[in-house]
Amino acid sequence: YVQDYLEKYGARKCEANALVVIPEQARELVREAIEHYLGQDAEQRFIDRWQVVSDEMEKLRDDTGVRESVEEAILIIEEQEP
């Protein structure tokens, strides 16, 4: 399996600890990789889709009348957290 991986992707390795100490460079590295595979508009597409889902969830809460129950449940959970 290792040889197949190396043949397909090459010898790539990234230690997480190396990224943690340089967060700005890590963000840039990840952003470049995402944009390489998903396009430079990937972040905006994600935001747009997230907003559509968020709006639909808000409408569902209002239409079904569960908004108050959900908010009460969240408050109960938050009160129980240490």
Protein backbone atom coordinates (compact mmCIF):
# COMPACT_ATOMS: atom_id res chain seq x y z
CA TYR A 1 0.00 0.00 0.00
CA VAL A 2 2.81 2.40 0.81
CA GLN A 3 4.40 1.93 -2.58
CA ASP A 4 1.05 2.53 -4.29
CA TYR A 5 0.60 5.72 -2.31
CA LEU A 6 4.12 6.91 -3.12
CA GLU A 7 3.62 6.14 -6.78
CA LYS A 8 0.32 7.98 -6.89
CA TYR A 9 1.08 11.00 -4.67
CA GLY A 10 4.83 11.11 -4.23
CA ALA A 11 6.73 11.42 -0.97
CA ARG A 12 4.70 13.99 0.93
CA LYS A 13 4.67 14.39 4.64
CA CYS A 14 3.65 17.14 6.97
CA GLU A 15 4.06 16.97 10.71
CA ALA A 16 1.20 18.65 12.54
CA ASN A 17 3.60 20.09 15.09
CA ALA A 18 5.41 21.91 12.30
CA LEU A 19 2.19 23.66 11.33
CA VAL A 20 1.07 24.54 14.84
CA VAL A 21 4.05 26.78 15.50
CA ILE A 22 3.52 28.79 12.30
CA PRO A 23 -0.25 29.28 12.07
CA GLU A 24 -0.23 31.93 9.33
CA GLN A 25 1.91 29.79 7.04
CA ALA A 26 -0.21 26.76 7.91
CA ARG A 27 -3.40 28.60 6.95
CA GLU A 28 -1.84 29.67 3.67
CA LEU A 29 -0.65 26.13 2.92
CA VAL A 30 -4.11 24.70 3.60
CA ARG A 31 -5.83 27.48 1.65
CA GLU A 32 -3.58 26.86 -1.37
CA ALA A 33 -4.26 23.12 -1.26
CA ILE A 34 -8.02 23.64 -1.02
CA GLU A 35 -8.04 26.20 -3.82
CA HIS A 36 -5.87 23.95 -5.98
CA TYR A 37 -8.41 21.13 -5.78
CA LEU A 38 -11.68 23.04 -5.33
CA GLY A 39 -11.01 26.34 -7.08
CA GLN A 40 -10.26 29.83 -5.83
CA ASP A 41 -13.93 30.50 -5.19
CA ALA A 42 -14.26 27.48 -2.87
CA GLU A 43 -14.55 29.54 0.30
CA GLN A 44 -17.26 31.78 -1.12
CA ARG A 45 -19.17 28.77 -2.48
CA PHE A 46 -19.02 27.20 0.97
CA ILE A 47 -20.25 30.41 2.61
CA ASP A 48 -23.09 30.72 0.09
CA ARG A 49 -24.21 27.12 0.61
CA TRP A 50 -23.92 27.43 4.38
CA GLN A 51 -26.12 30.53 4.30
CA VAL A 52 -28.80 28.73 2.27
CA VAL A 53 -28.87 25.86 4.78
CA SER A 54 -28.84 28.26 7.72
CA ASP A 55 -31.78 30.19 6.27
CA GLU A 56 -33.69 26.95 5.64
CA MET A 57 -33.11 25.84 9.23
CA GLU A 58 -34.35 29.17 10.57
CA LYS A 59 -37.49 28.87 8.44
CA LEU A 60 -38.02 25.28 9.61
CA ARG A 61 -37.74 26.33 13.25
CA ASP A 62 -40.29 29.08 12.70
CA ASP A 63 -42.68 26.98 10.57
CA THR A 64 -42.73 24.06 13.01
CA GLY A 65 -42.77 26.11 16.18
CA VAL A 66 -39.74 24.36 17.65
CA ARG A 67 -37.60 27.49 17.93
CA GLU A 68 -38.49 28.10 21.58
CA SER A 69 -38.00 24.43 22.54
CA VAL A 70 -34.60 24.31 20.85
CA GLU A 71 -33.48 27.51 22.54
CA GLU A 72 -34.64 26.21 25.94
CA ALA A 73 -32.77 22.95 25.39
CA ILE A 74 -29.61 24.85 24.50
CA LEU A 75 -29.88 26.93 27.67
CA ILE A 76 -30.31 23.79 29.79
CA ILE A 77 -27.26 22.20 28.19
CA GLU A 78 -25.17 25.34 28.64
CA GLU A 79 -26.14 25.53 32.33
CA GLN A 80 -24.93 21.95 32.85
CA GLU A 81 -21.51 22.57 31.30
CA PRO A 82 -18.68 23.01 33.82
